[in-house]
C-alpha atoms as a PDB file:
ATOM      1  CA  MET A   1     -18.781 -32.702 -20.061  1.00  0.00           C
ATOM      2  CA  THR A   2     -19.490 -29.785 -17.736  1.00  0.00           C
ATOM      3  CA  ASP A   3     -17.033 -31.161 -15.167  1.00  0.00           C
ATOM      4  CA  ILE A   4     -14.273 -31.125 -17.756  1.00  0.00           C
ATOM      5  CA  LEU A   5     -15.155 -27.557 -18.777  1.00  0.00           C
ATOM      6  CA  ALA A   6     -15.261 -26.417 -15.122  1.00  0.00           C
ATOM      7  CA  ASN A   7     -11.860 -27.996 -14.483  1.00  0.00           C
ATOM      8  CA  ILE A   8     -10.369 -26.307 -17.544  1.00  0.00           C
ATOM      9  CA  VAL A   9     -11.804 -22.886 -16.612  1.00  0.00           C
ATOM     10  CA  SER A  10     -10.695 -23.202 -12.981  1.00  0.00           C
ATOM     11  CA  GLY A  11      -7.220 -24.332 -14.072  1.00  0.00           C
ATOM     12  CA  VAL A  12      -6.864 -21.371 -16.439  1.00  0.00           C
ATOM     13  CA  LEU A  13      -7.981 -18.934 -13.718  1.00  0.00           C
ATOM     14  CA  ILE A  14      -5.601 -20.424 -11.164  1.00  0.00           C
ATOM     15  CA  LEU A  15      -2.663 -20.335 -13.599  1.00  0.00           C
ATOM     16  CA  ALA A  16      -3.457 -16.756 -14.567  1.00  0.00           C
ATOM     17  CA  GLY A  17      -3.536 -15.798 -10.870  1.00  0.00           C
ATOM     18  CA  ALA A  18      -0.202 -17.528 -10.319  1.00  0.00           C
ATOM     19  CA  GLY A  19       1.177 -15.576 -13.274  1.00  0.00           C
ATOM     20  CA  PHE A  20       0.071 -12.307 -11.675  1.00  0.00           C
ATOM     21  CA  PHE A  21       1.717 -13.320  -8.395  1.00  0.00           C
ATOM     22  CA  LEU A  22       4.946 -14.129 -10.233  1.00  0.00           C
ATOM     23  CA  THR A  23       4.855 -10.811 -12.087  1.00  0.00           C
ATOM     24  CA  GLY A  24       4.304  -8.976  -8.805  1.00  0.00           C
ATOM     25  CA  ALA A  25       7.214 -10.784  -7.171  1.00  0.00           C
ATOM     26  CA  ILE A  26       9.521  -9.862 -10.036  1.00  0.00           C
ATOM     27  CA  GLY A  27       8.296  -6.255  -9.915  1.00  0.00           C
ATOM     28  CA  PHE A  28       8.822  -6.173  -6.161  1.00  0.00           C
ATOM     29  CA  ILE A  29      12.447  -7.229  -6.613  1.00  0.00           C
ATOM     30  CA  ARG A  30      13.176  -4.948  -9.584  1.00  0.00           C
ATOM     31  CA  MET A  31      11.578  -1.687  -8.445  1.00  0.00           C
ATOM     32  CA  PRO A  32      13.892   0.932  -6.933  1.00  0.00           C
ATOM     33  CA  ASP A  33      12.041   2.340  -3.909  1.00  0.00           C
ATOM     34  CA  LEU A  34       9.333   1.541  -1.382  1.00  0.00           C
ATOM     35  CA  PHE A  35       6.439   3.236  -3.143  1.00  0.00           C
ATOM     36  CA  THR A  36       6.986   1.659  -6.555  1.00  0.00           C
ATOM     37  CA  ARG A  37       7.476  -1.734  -4.896  1.00  0.00           C
ATOM     38  CA  LEU A  38       4.285  -1.265  -2.956  1.00  0.00           C
ATOM     39  CA  HIS A  39       2.453  -0.321  -6.147  1.00  0.00           C
ATOM     40  CA  ALA A  40       3.711  -3.345  -8.072  1.00  0.00           C
ATOM     41  CA  ALA A  41       2.989  -5.767  -5.265  1.00  0.00           C
ATOM     42  CA  SER A  42      -0.478  -4.456  -4.413  1.00  0.00           C
ATOM     43  CA  LEU A  43      -1.860  -4.450  -7.945  1.00  0.00           C
ATOM     44  CA  SER A  44      -0.579  -7.864  -8.903  1.00  0.00           C
ATOM     45  CA  ASP A  45      -1.426  -9.475  -5.566  1.00  0.00           C
ATOM     46  CA  THR A  46      -4.994  -8.204  -5.604  1.00  0.00           C
ATOM     47  CA  THR A  47      -5.544  -9.397  -9.172  1.00  0.00           C
ATOM     48  CA  GLY A  48      -3.766 -12.706  -8.596  1.00  0.00           C
ATOM     49  CA  MET A  49      -5.742 -13.365  -5.432  1.00  0.00           C
ATOM     50  CA  ALA A  50      -9.041 -12.630  -7.172  1.00  0.00           C
ATOM     51  CA  LEU A  51      -8.192 -14.921 -10.083  1.00  0.00           C
ATOM     52  CA  ILE A  52      -7.037 -17.820  -7.902  1.00  0.00           C
ATOM     53  CA  LEU A  53     -10.051 -17.615  -5.600  1.00  0.00           C
ATOM     54  CA  SER A  54     -12.342 -17.348  -8.640  1.00  0.00           C
ATOM     55  CA  GLY A  55     -10.764 -20.500 -10.023  1.00  0.00           C
ATOM     56  CA  LEU A  56     -11.326 -22.261  -6.717  1.00  0.00           C
ATOM     57  CA  ALA A  57     -14.961 -21.091  -6.667  1.00  0.00           C
ATOM     58  CA  VAL A  58     -15.515 -22.426 -10.194  1.00  0.00           C
ATOM     59  CA  HIS A  59     -13.904 -25.712  -9.180  1.00  0.00           C
ATOM     60  CA  ALA A  60     -16.139 -25.965  -6.072  1.00  0.00           C
ATOM     61  CA  GLY A  61     -19.308 -25.549  -8.161  1.00  0.00           C
ATOM     62  CA  PHE A  62     -22.545 -24.205  -6.683  1.00  0.00           C
ATOM     63  CA  THR A  63     -21.826 -24.966  -3.035  1.00  0.00           C
ATOM     64  CA  VAL A  64     -21.513 -23.123   0.257  1.00  0.00           C
ATOM     65  CA  ALA A  65     -17.737 -23.153  -0.224  1.00  0.00           C
ATOM     66  CA  ALA A  66     -18.103 -21.199  -3.487  1.00  0.00           C
ATOM     67  CA  VAL A  67     -20.275 -18.583  -1.751  1.00  0.00           C
ATOM     68  CA  LYS A  68     -17.676 -18.233   1.002  1.00  0.00           C
ATOM     69  CA  LEU A  69     -14.948 -17.829  -1.611  1.00  0.00           C
ATOM     70  CA  VAL A  70     -16.945 -15.080  -3.351  1.00  0.00           C
ATOM     71  CA  PHE A  71     -17.349 -13.241  -0.026  1.00  0.00           C
ATOM     72  CA  LEU A  72     -13.625 -13.662   0.601  1.00  0.00           C
ATOM     73  CA  ILE A  73     -12.855 -12.201  -2.836  1.00  0.00           C
ATOM     74  CA  LEU A  74     -15.059  -9.185  -2.153  1.00  0.00           C
ATOM     75  CA  PHE A  75     -13.521  -8.634   1.284  1.00  0.00           C
ATOM     76  CA  LEU A  76      -9.964  -8.841  -0.029  1.00  0.00           C
ATOM     77  CA  LEU A  77     -10.753  -6.590  -3.010  1.00  0.00           C
ATOM     78  CA  PHE A  78     -11.726  -3.867  -0.539  1.00  0.00           C
ATOM     79  CA  MET A  79      -9.025  -4.511   2.052  1.00  0.00           C
ATOM     80  CA  GLY A  80      -6.020  -4.881  -0.285  1.00  0.00           C
ATOM     81  CA  PRO A  81      -6.044  -1.278  -1.538  1.00  0.00           C
ATOM     82  CA  ALA A  82      -6.879   0.006   1.952  1.00  0.00           C
ATOM     83  CA  THR A  83      -3.849  -1.685   3.499  1.00  0.00           C
ATOM     84  CA  THR A  84      -1.633  -0.488   0.656  1.00  0.00           C
ATOM     85  CA  HIS A  85      -2.811   3.065   1.253  1.00  0.00           C
ATOM     86  CA  ALA A  86      -2.207   2.713   4.997  1.00  0.00           C
ATOM     87  CA  LEU A  87       1.334   1.451   4.421  1.00  0.00           C
ATOM     88  CA  ALA A  88       2.114   4.276   1.996  1.00  0.00           C
ATOM     89  CA  ALA A  89       0.683   6.890   4.368  1.00  0.00           C
ATOM     90  CA  ALA A  90       2.707   5.471   7.263  1.00  0.00           C
ATOM     91  CA  ALA A  91       5.867   5.555   5.160  1.00  0.00           C
ATOM     92  CA  LEU A  92       5.245   9.179   4.207  1.00  0.00           C
ATOM     93  CA  ALA A  93       4.580  10.063   7.836  1.00  0.00           C
ATOM     94  CA  ALA A  94       7.825   8.354   8.844  1.00  0.00           C
ATOM     95  CA  GLY A  95       9.725  10.556   6.408  1.00  0.00           C
ATOM     96  CA  VAL A  96      10.345   8.156   3.528  1.00  0.00           C
ATOM     97  CA  LYS A  97      10.620  10.226   0.360  1.00  0.00           C
ATOM     98  CA  PRO A  98       9.386   8.939  -3.004  1.00  0.00           C
ATOM     99  CA  LEU A  99      12.151   8.468  -5.538  1.00  0.00           C
ATOM    100  CA  GLY A 100      10.344  10.696  -8.054  1.00  0.00           C
ATOM    101  CA  ALA A 101      10.451  13.669  -5.678  1.00  0.00           C
ATOM    102  CA  MET A 102      14.204  13.314  -5.307  1.00  0.00           C
ATOM    103  CA  ARG A 103      14.708  13.020  -9.067  1.00  0.00           C
ATOM    104  CA  HIS A 104      12.474  16.034  -9.660  1.00  0.00           C
ATOM    105  CA  ALA A 105      14.541  18.079  -7.220  1.00  0.00           C
ATOM    106  CA  ALA A 106      17.783  16.956  -8.900  1.00  0.00           C
ATOM    107  CA  LYS A 107      16.527  17.980 -12.369  1.00  0.00           C
ATOM    108  CA  LYS A 108      15.937  21.545 -11.225  1.00  0.00           C
ATOM    109  CA  GLY A 109      19.651  22.110 -10.816  1.00  0.00           C
ATOM    110  CA  PRO A 110      21.998  22.455  -7.853  1.00  0.00           C
ATOM    111  CA  GLY A 111      20.576  25.696  -6.461  1.00  0.00           C
ATOM    112  CA  LYS A 112      16.955  24.809  -7.121  1.00  0.00           C
ATOM    113  CA  ALA A 113      17.362  21.307  -5.664  1.00  0.00           C
ATOM    114  CA  ALA A 114      18.638  22.798  -2.424  1.00  0.00           C
ATOM    115  CA  ASP A 115      15.653  25.163  -2.348  1.00  0.00           C
ATOM    116  CA  THR A 116      13.296  22.219  -2.830  1.00  0.00           C
ATOM    117  CA  VAL A 117      14.942  20.301  -0.008  1.00  0.00           C
ATOM    118  CA  LYS A 118      14.724  23.389   2.233  1.00  0.00           C
ATOM    119  CA  THR A 119      11.040  23.808   1.380  1.00  0.00           C
ATOM    120  CA  VAL A 120      10.325  20.173   2.193  1.00  0.00           C
ATOM    121  CA  ALA A 121      12.303  20.398   5.436  1.00  0.00           C
ATOM    122  CA  THR A 122      10.529  23.642   6.396  1.00  0.00           C
ATOM    123  CA  SER A 123       7.084  22.175   5.769  1.00  0.00           C
ATOM    124  CA  GLU A 124       7.988  19.070   7.781  1.00  0.00           C
ATOM    125  CA  ALA A 125       9.282  21.220  10.628  1.00  0.00           C
ATOM    126  CA  LYS A 126       6.017  23.159  10.696  1.00  0.00           C
ATOM    127  CA  ALA A 127       4.007  19.943  10.721  1.00  0.00           C
ATOM    128  CA  ALA A 128       6.098  18.301  13.466  1.00  0.00           C
ATOM    129  CA  PRO A 129       4.940  18.879  17.044  1.00  0.00           C
ATOM    130  CA  LYS A 130       7.117  21.136  19.138  1.00  0.00           C
ATOM    131  CA  LYS A 131       9.247  19.398  21.739  1.00  0.00           C
ATOM    132  CA  VAL A 132       8.811  20.567  25.312  1.00  0.00           C
ATOM    133  CA  PRO A 133      11.813  20.193  27.587  1.00  0.00           C
ATOM    134  CA  LYS A 134      11.286  17.693  30.401  1.00  0.00           C
ATOM    135  CA  ASN A 135      12.525  20.073  33.103  1.00  0.00           C
ATOM    136  CA  THR A 136       9.914  22.752  32.378  1.00  0.00           C
ATOM    137  CA  PRO A 137       7.644  23.208  35.412  1.00  0.00           C
ATOM    138  CA  LYS A 138       3.941  22.831  34.775  1.00  0.00           C
ATOM    139  CA  ASN A 139       1.546  25.653  35.584  1.00  0.00           C
ATOM    140  CA  THR A 140      -0.118  24.292  38.709  1.00  0.00           C
ATOM    141  CA  SER A 141      -1.355  27.571  40.144  1.00  0.00           C
ATOM    142  CA  LYS A 142      -5.086  28.201  40.191  1.00  0.00           C
ATOM    143  CA  LYS A 143      -4.659  31.793  38.980  1.00  0.00           C
ATOM    144  CA  GLY A 144      -3.656  30.814  35.439  1.00  0.00           C
ATOM    145  CA  ARG A 145      -6.642  28.534  34.896  1.00  0.00           C
ATOM    146  CA  ARG A 146      -9.765  29.727  33.187  1.00  0.00           C
ATOM    147  CA  ARG A 147     -13.150  28.474  34.128  1.00  0.00           C
END
């Protein structure tokens, strides 16, 4: 009787996890920009993964495999959001703008939107490192060095 109950519970968990993966895939296709796609995919994938691995752990019973699956769940629950954050931070650093920021600038009106774009461009220019021409001679004299 307990085997039948364990199989039913594990099947329900695995199907629920597959449903979350399917929802995330649909959200990934339907969302308009990188950040909303990343949000949809990360939430549904983390939940789907946890549900599927939980179903596999229930199906395995009280074995070493179930303990390994629980450790895998815990590891992936910590690493999934961390990788999502790293991808979003890298996209922002590369200059990818969120769609909401562009819409917000457009709602302000034509003059205000241009001011917002100038402000963003100015802040990015301040944050960017200054380029040094390649032909500039380096200070190799000993007089200019401090000790």
